[in-house]
Protein backbone atom coordinates (compact mmCIF):
# COMPACT_ATOMS: atom_id res chain seq x y z
CA MET A 1 0.00 0.00 0.00
CA LYS A 2 2.79 2.41 0.92
CA ASN A 3 4.76 1.69 -2.25
CA SER A 4 1.70 2.10 -4.46
CA LEU A 5 0.90 5.43 -2.78
CA LEU A 6 4.42 6.66 -3.39
CA LEU A 7 4.14 5.70 -7.10
CA LEU A 8 0.81 7.48 -7.26
CA LEU A 9 2.34 10.46 -5.52
CA ALA A 10 5.19 10.70 -8.01
CA ALA A 11 2.82 10.42 -10.98
CA ALA A 12 0.46 13.01 -9.55
CA LEU A 13 3.24 15.51 -8.91
CA LEU A 14 4.55 15.09 -12.46
CA LEU A 15 1.06 15.55 -13.86
CA PHE A 16 0.25 18.60 -11.78
CA ASP A 17 3.70 20.19 -11.65
CA GLY A 18 3.18 23.95 -11.58
CA PHE A 19 -0.58 23.60 -11.36
CA ILE A 20 -1.06 24.30 -7.64
CA THR A 21 -1.59 28.04 -7.40
CA THR A 22 -2.69 30.64 -4.89
CA THR A 23 -6.21 30.28 -6.26
CA ASP A 24 -6.19 26.59 -5.38
CA ALA A 25 -5.09 27.37 -1.84
CA GLN A 26 -7.74 30.05 -1.54
CA ARG A 27 -10.42 27.43 -2.20
CA GLY A 28 -9.27 26.15 1.20
CA ARG A 29 -10.30 29.54 2.62
CA VAL A 30 -6.75 30.78 3.19
CA ALA A 31 -4.14 32.13 0.78
CA TYR A 32 -0.95 30.10 0.63
CA GLU A 33 1.09 33.30 1.14
CA ASP A 34 -0.65 33.79 4.48
CA LEU A 35 0.76 30.49 5.67
CA LEU A 36 4.31 31.73 5.16
CA ASN A 37 3.94 34.01 8.20
CA ILE A 38 2.49 31.43 10.62
CA ASN A 39 5.50 29.29 11.52
CA VAL A 40 8.25 31.93 11.43
CA ALA A 41 11.17 31.19 13.73
CA PRO A 42 11.51 33.72 16.55
CA ALA A 43 14.15 36.43 16.16
CA LEU A 44 15.35 35.75 19.70
CA TYR A 45 15.42 32.60 21.83
CA LEU A 46 15.62 33.80 25.44
CA ASP A 47 15.83 31.83 28.67
CA HIS A 48 16.86 32.22 32.31
CA HIS A 49 18.27 29.61 34.68
CA VAL A 50 18.29 29.75 38.46
CA ILE A 51 20.47 27.65 40.78
CA PRO A 52 21.18 27.84 44.54
CA ALA A 53 23.75 30.51 45.35
CA THR A 54 26.82 29.59 47.44
CA GLU A 55 29.65 31.58 48.95
CA VAL A 56 32.03 30.06 46.41
CA ASN A 57 29.64 30.60 43.45
CA PRO A 58 27.33 33.54 44.30
CA GLU A 59 26.22 34.04 40.69
CA ASN A 60 22.92 32.16 40.79
CA VAL A 61 21.19 33.40 37.60
CA MET A 62 22.24 32.87 34.02
CA ILE A 63 20.43 34.44 31.09
CA THR A 64 20.99 32.61 27.80
CA PHE A 65 19.99 33.70 24.35
CA LYS A 66 20.52 32.90 20.70
CA MET A 67 19.49 34.28 17.31
CA GLY A 68 19.15 32.55 13.97
CA TYR A 69 21.32 33.86 11.16
CA GLU A 70 18.25 34.88 9.13
CA ALA A 71 17.39 37.44 11.85
CA LEU A 72 20.79 39.17 11.72
CA ARG A 73 21.93 42.04 9.51
CA PHE A 74 24.83 40.70 7.44
CA ARG A 75 27.19 42.85 5.34
CA ARG A 76 29.55 41.70 2.62
CA ILE A 77 33.22 41.71 3.65
CA THR A 78 35.35 44.10 1.60
CA SER A 79 38.96 45.20 1.81
CA ALA A 80 37.79 48.36 3.58
CA ASN A 81 35.65 46.76 6.32
CA ARG A 82 37.19 43.31 6.77
CA PRO A 83 37.40 42.49 10.54
CA ALA A 84 40.87 41.44 11.63
CA GLU A 85 39.55 38.22 13.19
CA ALA A 86 37.41 37.20 10.18
CA PRO A 87 38.02 33.52 9.30
CA SER A 88 39.36 32.84 5.84
CA GLY A 89 36.72 31.91 3.28
CA THR A 90 33.94 34.00 4.84
CA GLU A 91 32.18 36.57 2.70
CA PHE A 92 29.72 38.15 5.15
CA PHE A 93 29.74 39.40 8.74
CA ALA A 94 27.20 40.76 11.22
CA ASN A 95 27.80 42.70 14.43
CA VAL A 96 25.48 41.84 17.32
CA ASN A 97 25.10 43.74 20.61
CA VAL A 98 22.71 42.53 23.34
CA ILE A 99 21.68 44.71 26.27
CA ILE A 100 19.63 43.24 29.14
CA GLU A 101 18.19 45.43 31.89
CA ILE A 102 16.82 43.76 35.03
CA TYR A 103 14.17 45.38 37.24
CA LYS A 104 12.82 44.30 40.64
CA ASP A 105 9.16 43.33 40.30
CA GLU A 106 7.98 42.88 43.89
CA ASP A 107 4.35 41.98 43.17
CA GLY A 108 4.82 40.53 39.70
CA ASP A 109 2.72 43.24 38.07
CA LEU A 110 5.32 45.78 36.92
CA ARG A 111 4.10 47.22 33.61
CA PRO A 112 6.70 47.26 30.81
CA ASP A 113 5.59 50.75 29.74
CA ARG A 114 6.81 52.07 33.12
CA LEU A 115 10.40 50.91 32.63
CA GLU A 116 11.50 54.20 31.08
CA SER A 117 10.63 56.02 34.29
CA ILE A 118 12.34 53.74 36.84
CA GLN A 119 15.95 52.75 37.46
CA HIS A 120 17.04 49.29 36.46
CA LEU A 121 18.61 47.05 39.09
CA GLU A 122 21.29 45.75 36.79
CA ARG A 123 22.44 46.19 33.20
CA LEU A 124 24.19 43.40 31.30
CA SER A 125 25.76 43.75 27.86
CA TRP A 126 27.19 41.22 25.40
CA SER A 127 28.50 41.52 21.86
CA THR A 128 29.94 39.35 19.10
CA THR A 129 30.51 39.17 15.36
CA ALA A 130 28.95 36.39 13.28
CA TYR A 131 30.46 35.19 10.00
CA ALA A 132 28.91 33.43 6.99
CA GLU A 133 30.65 31.73 4.08
CA ASP A 134 28.15 32.88 1.45
CA PHE A 135 24.79 34.61 1.02
CA SER A 136 22.74 31.43 1.43
CA ALA A 137 24.28 30.89 4.87
CA THR A 138 23.03 34.33 5.99
CA ARG A 139 19.43 33.20 5.41
CA LYS A 140 19.54 30.08 7.59
CA ALA A 141 17.08 29.79 10.49
CA ASP A 142 18.86 26.77 11.98
CA VAL A 143 22.34 28.30 12.35
CA PHE A 144 22.69 30.42 15.47
CA VAL A 145 24.66 32.98 17.41
CA ASN A 146 24.69 31.89 21.08
CA GLY A 147 25.40 34.01 24.14
CA PHE A 148 24.94 34.21 27.90
CA LYS A 149 25.40 36.47 30.92
CA LYS A 150 25.62 35.53 34.62
CA THR A 151 24.56 37.61 37.59
CA GLU A 152 23.72 37.44 41.31
CA LEU A 153 20.14 38.13 42.40
CA VAL A 154 18.33 37.65 45.71
CA PRO A 155 15.16 35.53 45.70
CA GLY A 156 12.09 37.36 44.38
CA ASN A 157 10.25 38.46 41.24
CA TYR A 158 11.97 40.28 38.41
CA LEU A 159 11.36 41.65 34.95
CA MET A 160 14.03 41.91 32.28
CA SER A 161 13.93 43.93 29.09
CA VAL A 162 16.08 42.97 26.11
CA ARG A 163 17.47 45.22 23.37
CA ILE A 164 19.45 43.91 20.39
CA ASP A 165 21.40 46.22 18.11
CA LEU A 166 22.57 44.98 14.73
CA ASP A 167 25.17 47.38 13.36
CA GLY A 168 23.35 50.27 15.03
CA SER A 169 19.85 49.20 13.96
CA ARG A 170 17.41 47.98 16.60
CA MET A 171 16.07 44.44 16.09
CA ARG A 172 12.32 44.27 16.48
CA ILE A 173 11.42 41.77 19.22
CA GLN A 174 7.88 41.01 20.35
CA PRO A 175 7.75 40.91 23.28
CA ASN A 176 11.09 42.37 24.36
CA TYR A 177 10.64 41.64 28.08
CA ARG A 178 10.17 38.65 30.34
CA ARG A 179 9.10 38.11 33.95
CA PHE A 180 10.96 35.55 36.00
CA THR A 181 11.33 34.34 39.59
CA VAL A 182 14.51 33.65 41.51
CA THR A 183 13.72 30.70 43.76
CA ASP A 184 15.05 30.56 47.32
CA PHE A 185 14.98 26.71 47.28
CA SER A 186 13.79 26.54 50.89
CA GLY A 187 10.13 25.72 50.17
CA ASN A 188 8.34 23.19 47.98
CA GLU A 189 7.24 25.28 45.01
CA ASP A 190 8.51 27.48 42.13
CA PHE A 191 11.39 25.12 41.47
CA PRO A 192 13.01 25.52 38.02
CA ILE A 193 12.74 23.03 35.17
CA HIS A 194 15.86 23.11 33.00
CA LEU A 195 15.60 21.94 29.38
CA ILE A 196 18.77 20.03 28.51
CA ALA A 197 20.13 18.63 25.26
CA ASP A 198 22.03 15.54 26.41
CA ASP A 199 22.27 12.83 29.07
CA GLY A 200 25.20 14.56 30.75
CA VAL A 201 28.95 14.26 30.26
CA GLU A 202 30.97 12.66 33.01
CA HIS A 203 33.93 14.61 34.42
CA SER A 204 36.30 13.76 37.23
CA ALA A 205 34.55 16.22 39.56
CA GLY A 206 30.95 15.69 38.45
CA LYS A 207 28.59 15.69 35.49
CA ALA A 208 27.81 18.46 32.98
CA PHE A 209 24.35 18.79 31.37
CA GLN A 210 24.24 21.00 28.27
CA LEU A 211 21.38 23.50 28.32
CA LEU A 212 19.09 23.47 25.29
CA ASN A 213 19.27 27.31 25.10
CA GLN A 214 16.10 27.71 23.03
CA GLY A 215 13.91 29.62 25.47
CA ASN A 216 10.57 27.85 25.78
CA ILE A 217 10.93 26.20 22.37
CA VAL A 218 11.77 22.58 21.56
CA TRP A 219 12.16 21.12 18.09
CA TYR A 220 9.21 19.08 16.89
CA GLY A 221 10.00 15.39 16.52
CA GLU A 222 13.15 15.52 18.70
CA ASP A 223 13.35 14.07 22.21
CA PHE A 224 14.89 16.18 24.96
CA SER A 225 15.45 15.85 28.69
CA VAL A 226 14.71 17.95 31.76
CA LEU A 227 16.94 18.48 34.78
CA LEU A 228 14.85 18.87 37.93
CA HIS A 229 15.90 20.36 41.25
CA LEU A 230 14.00 18.45 43.94
CA PRO A 231 12.96 19.86 47.34
CA GLU A 232 14.55 18.28 50.40
CA ASN A 233 11.31 16.80 51.68
CA THR A 234 9.05 15.08 49.15
CA GLY A 235 6.74 12.11 49.21
CA ASP A 236 7.01 8.84 47.31
CA ASP A 237 4.76 9.98 44.45
CA LEU A 238 7.00 12.27 42.38
CA ARG A 239 5.70 12.40 38.79
CA LEU A 240 6.60 14.31 35.67
CA VAL A 241 3.40 15.10 33.74
CA VAL A 242 3.28 16.54 30.21
CA THR A 243 -0.10 17.95 29.17
CA GLU A 244 -1.16 19.34 25.80
CA VAL A 245 -2.66 22.83 26.14
CA GLU A 246 -4.34 25.21 23.75
CA ARG A 247 -5.30 28.84 23.91
CA SER A 248 -8.98 29.67 24.29
CA GLY A 249 -9.27 33.42 23.85
CA GLY A 250 -6.70 34.81 26.27
CA ASP A 251 -6.77 31.76 28.52
CA ILE A 252 -4.88 28.49 28.35
CA THR A 253 -7.08 25.42 28.42
CA ARG A 254 -5.73 22.02 29.43
CA ARG A 255 -6.22 19.12 27.07
CA ASP A 256 -4.89 15.57 26.89
CA VAL A 257 -2.08 14.19 29.04
CA LEU A 258 0.68 13.36 26.56
CA HIS A 259 3.07 11.66 28.95
CA GLU A 260 3.39 10.74 32.60
CA HIS A 261 6.51 9.37 34.27
CA GLY A 262 6.88 8.35 37.91
CA LEU A 263 10.35 9.25 39.19
CA SER A 264 12.38 6.29 40.39
CA ALA A 265 15.74 5.81 42.05
CA GLU A 266 17.29 5.55 38.57
CA ASP A 267 16.21 9.14 37.78
CA ILE A 268 17.31 10.77 41.06
CA PHE A 269 20.90 11.59 42.09
CA THR A 270 22.64 13.96 44.49
CA ALA A 271 25.43 16.53 44.21
CA SER A 272 27.45 18.78 46.48
CA SER A 273 26.68 21.87 44.36
CA LEU A 274 25.20 23.00 41.05
CA ASN A 275 27.21 25.48 38.98
CA PHE A 276 27.17 27.11 35.59
CA ARG A 277 29.83 25.88 33.19
CA HIS A 278 30.62 27.15 29.69
CA ASP A 279 32.86 26.15 26.83
CA GLU A 280 32.89 28.95 24.27
CA ASP A 281 29.17 29.40 23.48
CA GLN A 282 27.96 26.06 24.90
CA VAL A 283 26.49 26.42 28.39
CA SER A 284 25.97 23.59 30.88
CA LEU A 285 24.75 22.98 34.40
CA PHE A 286 27.52 21.20 36.29
CA ALA A 287 26.47 18.89 39.10
CA GLU A 288 29.62 18.75 41.22
CA GLY A 289 30.52 16.07 43.72
CA THR A 290 28.35 13.34 45.20
CA GLY A 291 27.26 14.95 48.46
CA ASN A 292 23.66 15.09 49.62
CA GLU A 293 23.30 18.88 49.63
CA ILE A 294 21.30 18.96 46.38
CA ARG A 295 18.80 16.41 45.04
CA LEU A 296 18.44 16.35 41.28
CA ALA A 297 16.65 14.24 38.69
CA LYS A 298 17.11 13.83 34.96
CA VAL A 299 14.10 12.62 32.97
CA LEU A 300 13.73 12.00 29.24
CA VAL A 301 10.76 13.68 27.56
CA PRO A 302 9.67 11.58 24.53
CA ASN A 303 8.88 14.54 22.31
CA LYS A 304 9.03 12.32 19.18
CA LYS A 305 5.64 11.00 20.22
CA PHE A 306 4.07 14.43 20.79
CA PRO A 307 2.12 16.45 18.23
CA ASN A 308 3.47 19.81 17.03
CA THR A 309 1.74 21.79 19.76
CA ARG A 310 2.05 23.74 22.99
CA PHE A 311 2.35 21.75 26.20
CA LYS A 312 2.90 22.15 29.93
CA ILE A 313 5.55 20.24 31.86
CA GLU A 314 4.80 19.77 35.56
CA LEU A 315 6.67 18.07 38.39
CA LYS A 316 4.14 16.86 40.94
CA ASP A 317 4.50 15.51 44.47
CA GLY A 318 1.16 13.74 44.81
CA ASP A 319 -1.35 16.43 43.82
CA ASP A 320 1.00 19.32 44.63
CA VAL A 321 2.79 21.04 41.73
CA ILE A 322 6.44 21.62 42.64
CA ALA A 323 7.57 22.98 39.29
CA LYS A 324 5.95 23.87 35.97
CA ARG A 325 6.92 25.20 32.60
CA ASN A 326 5.13 25.94 29.33
CA VAL A 327 6.89 24.75 26.18
CA ASN A 328 6.18 25.38 22.50
CA SER A 329 7.02 22.86 19.82
CA LEU A 330 8.48 24.38 16.64
CA TRP A 331 8.80 22.63 13.29
CA LEU A 332 11.23 24.93 11.46
CA ASP A 333 10.96 23.38 8.00
CA ILE A 334 7.30 22.41 8.11
CA PRO A 335 5.61 22.17 4.69
CA ARG A 336 3.45 25.29 4.73
CA SER A 337 0.31 23.46 3.57
CA LEU A 338 0.22 21.60 6.89
CA LEU A 339 -0.35 24.86 8.76
CA ASN A 340 -4.01 24.96 7.69
CA ILE A 341 -6.28 21.90 7.56
CA ASP A 342 -8.30 23.16 4.59
CA VAL A 343 -5.21 23.83 2.48
CA ALA A 344 -3.75 20.45 3.48
CA LEU A 345 -6.97 18.71 2.44
CA GLU A 346 -7.14 20.66 -0.82
CA MET A 347 -3.76 19.29 -1.85
CA MET A 348 -4.95 15.72 -1.32
CA GLN A 349 -7.26 15.81 -4.34
CA TYR A 350 -4.32 14.53 -6.40
CA ILE A 351 -3.87 11.24 -4.52
CA VAL A 352 -7.42 10.21 -3.54
CA SER A 353 -10.62 9.53 -5.42
CA ARG A 354 -13.20 12.27 -5.88
CA GLU A 355 -15.57 10.54 -3.44
CA GLU A 356 -12.88 10.18 -0.74
CA PHE A 357 -11.80 13.77 -1.32
CA GLN A 358 -15.34 15.05 -0.74
CA GLN A 359 -15.68 12.90 2.37
CA LEU A 360 -12.43 14.24 3.85
CA ARG A 361 -13.69 17.84 3.45
CA ARG A 362 -17.08 17.31 5.13
CA GLY A 363 -18.06 18.25 8.65
CA SER A 364 -16.64 20.53 11.30
CA GLU A 365 -13.00 21.51 11.55
CA ARG A 366 -12.55 18.91 14.30
CA ASP A 367 -14.02 16.22 12.02
CA ARG A 368 -11.80 17.26 9.10
CA LYS A 369 -8.69 17.15 11.28
CA ARG A 370 -9.63 13.73 12.66
CA ARG A 371 -10.15 12.25 9.21
CA PHE A 372 -6.91 13.84 7.96
CA ARG A 373 -4.92 12.28 10.83
CA GLU A 374 -6.59 8.91 10.34
CA PHE A 375 -5.81 8.90 6.59
CA TRP A 376 -2.10 9.53 7.09
CA ALA A 377 -1.82 7.38 10.24
CA GLU A 378 -2.80 4.34 8.17
CA ARG A 379 0.16 5.08 5.89
CA ASP A 380 2.72 6.09 8.52
CA PRO A 381 5.98 4.11 8.08
CA THR A 382 6.94 4.87 11.74
CA PRO A 383 3.72 4.64 13.74
CA ASP A 384 5.56 4.83 17.08
CA THR A 385 6.39 8.50 16.47
CA ASP A 386 4.17 11.50 15.68
CA PHE A 387 6.34 12.43 12.68
CA ASN A 388 4.98 10.87 9.49
CA GLU A 389 7.74 10.68 6.86
CA LEU A 390 5.41 9.75 4.00
CA MET A 391 3.03 12.65 4.66
CA VAL A 392 5.92 15.08 4.97
CA GLU A 393 7.45 13.89 1.72
CA PHE A 394 4.14 14.41 -0.08
CA TYR A 395 3.63 17.94 1.23
CA LYS A 396 7.22 18.97 0.65
CA ARG A 397 6.85 18.01 -3.01
CA VAL A 398 3.50 19.78 -3.28
């Protein structure tokens, strides 16, 4: 069945090459050009990380950020402007300057429009120069400039504003501020959830876990892990729960539980301290020693099985929520037709009969989405994951 569908797909695309137009997409009640603006990668990936402060390592907050090359302002290298440190073989460069201002937000309701009239608590600055081999490299959304700044803050609520200058021009960021809490680690709530990219690298003095450094974004179809800081006193029912959520007006409505994992002895370990560690632009959390001062847990999140959606990660002790974090899934190279169910269904007229095509388009939006998923699920070469290679191949060609 799969092989015959692929042959039919190839024949259909040869037959209708160049035939799918904006008018066709508009029959699906949305112009194809409109879809180009739906899944745009953010200009700035911004995150903050909080660890317990110690006398030896008082810097307890790290702010990490990165920008895709397509968001930068590149200039061609000439004999007149060539930077002295420019690597050989590079044709373009971009200057980046990041300024972060941190404000105390006692009640968590400081309005961003008031920041001009009050004094910031701290001002952090960072700059670098990015290089690209050719023009096509300057347009990549999956090649990044990474940076970070560390600071020392007392427990409480804060607001940070971010400004990015690209060769003197201000980058437009929406929003350009973020609220965050510095935990005191003495209670049983507001504990951080760190998104990490690996299982940890063993060192003689401890273990380093590389931070994902993508803000609240994870790549669709790729598993990741979380590093959890556990309170001293917890019960025997520690669970990591991942729930799909959707926006309903201005509110977030809970939906299906995507994953639930009960923490076991294999997940939990202890350390003498938790520190920030960096190697060039790669930042890690370093669990040092084997003492019992800090209880940590590393848990895999099987994101390959999750739909391309928004979800909430919660660490629960029984019914009590110890830590929580909202995460957005991003599919950078998604075929644009998949961003709208009506457009996606419209494109299927080339591989199904007229009767099946009409049936797929009937009913409510929920019904159309259900039938769409069922159609492709029957033809999924890897049913254990949410990513459907055959469907993606079809829509990429369309």
